[in-house]
Protein backbone atom coordinates (compact mmCIF):
# COMPACT_ATOMS: atom_id res chain seq x y z
CA MET A 1 12.72 -25.93 -17.02
CA PRO A 2 9.51 -27.98 -17.02
CA SER A 3 7.71 -27.81 -20.33
CA LEU A 4 4.39 -26.59 -18.87
CA ARG A 5 5.88 -23.85 -16.71
CA LEU A 6 7.19 -20.71 -18.33
CA PRO A 7 9.20 -17.98 -16.62
CA LEU A 8 7.23 -14.87 -15.73
CA SER A 9 9.07 -12.82 -18.34
CA LEU A 10 7.96 -15.24 -21.07
CA ILE A 11 4.36 -15.33 -19.84
CA LEU A 12 4.10 -11.55 -19.79
CA VAL A 13 6.01 -10.90 -22.97
CA ALA A 14 5.09 -12.11 -26.42
CA GLY A 15 7.54 -9.62 -27.92
CA LEU A 16 10.43 -8.45 -25.77
CA THR A 17 11.33 -4.79 -25.44
CA ALA A 18 15.05 -4.16 -25.22
CA CYS A 19 16.06 -2.10 -22.20
CA GLY A 20 19.82 -2.13 -22.57
CA PRO A 21 22.34 -3.80 -20.30
CA ALA A 22 21.45 -4.46 -16.67
CA VAL A 23 23.33 -2.03 -14.49
CA GLY A 24 21.64 -2.14 -11.11
CA VAL A 25 18.47 -1.75 -9.17
CA ASP A 26 16.77 1.47 -9.86
CA SER A 27 17.13 4.35 -12.25
CA GLY A 28 13.86 5.91 -11.11
CA ASP A 29 11.05 5.58 -8.63
CA GLY A 30 8.15 3.22 -9.03
CA PRO A 31 5.64 1.21 -7.00
CA ALA A 32 7.63 -2.05 -7.05
CA GLN A 33 10.03 -1.99 -4.12
CA PRO A 34 12.17 -4.71 -2.50
CA GLY A 35 9.99 -7.36 -0.90
CA ILE A 36 8.14 -10.61 -1.55
CA TYR A 37 5.06 -10.30 -3.75
CA ALA A 38 2.35 -12.88 -4.45
CA TYR A 39 0.75 -13.23 -7.89
CA THR A 40 -1.51 -15.58 -9.84
CA MET A 41 -0.73 -16.27 -13.49
CA PRO A 42 -3.53 -16.44 -16.08
CA ASP A 43 -3.46 -20.26 -15.93
CA GLY A 44 -4.11 -20.16 -12.15
CA THR A 45 -0.55 -20.98 -11.09
CA GLU A 46 0.34 -19.10 -7.93
CA GLY A 47 3.78 -17.78 -7.30
CA ALA A 48 5.97 -15.22 -5.63
CA MET A 49 8.32 -12.59 -7.01
CA VAL A 50 11.18 -11.76 -4.65
CA LEU A 51 12.73 -8.34 -5.32
CA HIS A 52 15.97 -7.97 -3.39
CA ASP A 53 17.33 -4.54 -2.51
CA ASN A 54 20.63 -5.42 -4.21
CA GLY A 55 18.87 -5.51 -7.60
CA HIS A 56 18.41 -9.27 -7.93
CA TYR A 57 15.07 -11.03 -8.27
CA ALA A 58 13.79 -14.59 -8.07
CA GLN A 59 10.52 -15.99 -9.35
CA MET A 60 9.11 -18.84 -7.31
CA ILE A 61 6.02 -20.96 -7.97
CA ASP A 62 4.19 -23.07 -5.43
CA ASN A 63 5.44 -26.63 -4.92
CA GLU A 64 8.84 -25.89 -6.48
CA PRO A 65 11.79 -25.76 -4.06
CA ARG A 66 13.97 -23.56 -6.28
CA PRO A 67 13.39 -20.40 -8.30
CA ILE A 68 12.19 -21.01 -11.85
CA GLU A 69 13.79 -17.72 -12.92
CA GLU A 70 16.44 -15.44 -11.43
CA GLY A 71 18.18 -12.31 -12.58
CA VAL A 72 18.43 -8.55 -12.15
CA TRP A 73 15.55 -6.06 -11.91
CA ARG A 74 15.74 -2.35 -12.63
CA ARG A 75 13.93 0.57 -14.17
CA HIS A 76 14.85 1.98 -17.54
CA ASN A 77 13.10 4.71 -19.53
CA GLY A 78 10.12 4.64 -17.17
CA GLN A 79 9.64 0.88 -17.39
CA PHE A 80 10.24 -2.01 -14.98
CA CYS A 81 12.77 -4.41 -16.53
CA LEU A 82 13.82 -7.98 -15.76
CA ASP A 83 17.09 -9.42 -17.04
CA ASP A 84 17.44 -13.17 -16.59
CA GLY A 85 20.81 -13.19 -18.35
CA VAL A 86 19.40 -15.13 -21.31
CA GLY A 87 18.58 -12.85 -24.22
CA ALA A 88 16.96 -9.42 -24.21
CA ASP A 89 15.57 -7.76 -21.09
CA ALA A 90 11.81 -7.98 -20.57
CA CYS A 91 10.40 -4.50 -19.87
CA PHE A 92 6.89 -3.67 -18.67
CA ASP A 93 4.69 -0.72 -17.86
CA GLU A 94 4.43 -0.55 -14.07
CA ALA A 95 1.53 0.83 -12.03
CA ALA A 96 0.63 1.03 -8.34
CA VAL A 97 -2.15 -1.25 -7.08
CA GLY A 98 -3.48 -0.34 -3.66
CA ALA A 99 -1.12 0.84 -0.95
CA ASP A 100 1.58 -1.80 -1.40
CA GLY A 101 1.08 -3.69 -4.65
CA PHE A 102 1.89 -3.14 -8.30
CA SER A 103 1.02 -4.41 -11.75
CA LEU A 104 3.17 -5.15 -14.76
CA THR A 105 1.75 -4.90 -18.26
CA ARG A 106 3.40 -5.57 -21.57
CA PRO A 107 3.39 -2.34 -23.60
CA GLY A 108 0.35 -2.35 -25.88
CA ASP A 109 -1.42 -5.04 -23.83
CA SER A 110 -4.41 -4.40 -21.58
CA GLN A 111 -4.03 -7.44 -19.30
CA PRO A 112 -1.81 -6.64 -16.29
CA LEU A 113 -0.36 -9.16 -13.87
CA ILE A 114 -1.04 -8.00 -10.28
CA PHE A 115 1.55 -8.37 -7.51
CA THR A 116 0.49 -8.07 -3.86
CA LEU A 117 3.04 -7.47 -1.09
CA ARG A 118 3.53 -10.42 1.29
CA THR A 119 6.66 -9.20 3.11
CA ALA A 120 8.45 -5.87 2.78
CA GLY A 121 12.16 -5.98 1.98
């Protein structure tokens, strides 16, 4: 991984919240649904989060031909969780943004990262 580019889960999470083992897509409803979502990180880097309906995700950033992070997404205890297979799951508070977007916020933080739907899954 390039030294100046951090996976989304590391950017959003200073302290990780354990969610338990990844067991599939969805254990509850929420605004994030399968599709391709655009986002802009605090440093201005633009990217896309691909949420597949089989429970896998990929994080892409512009000008990179391959995902910089991949894993499993799911909901657990009312939170949206990402498991990249390396260490503890990263879990976030999830909220709807507009008709087809969502935000993820680290518990206790007030700065959400906004995701806007590009293509529905």
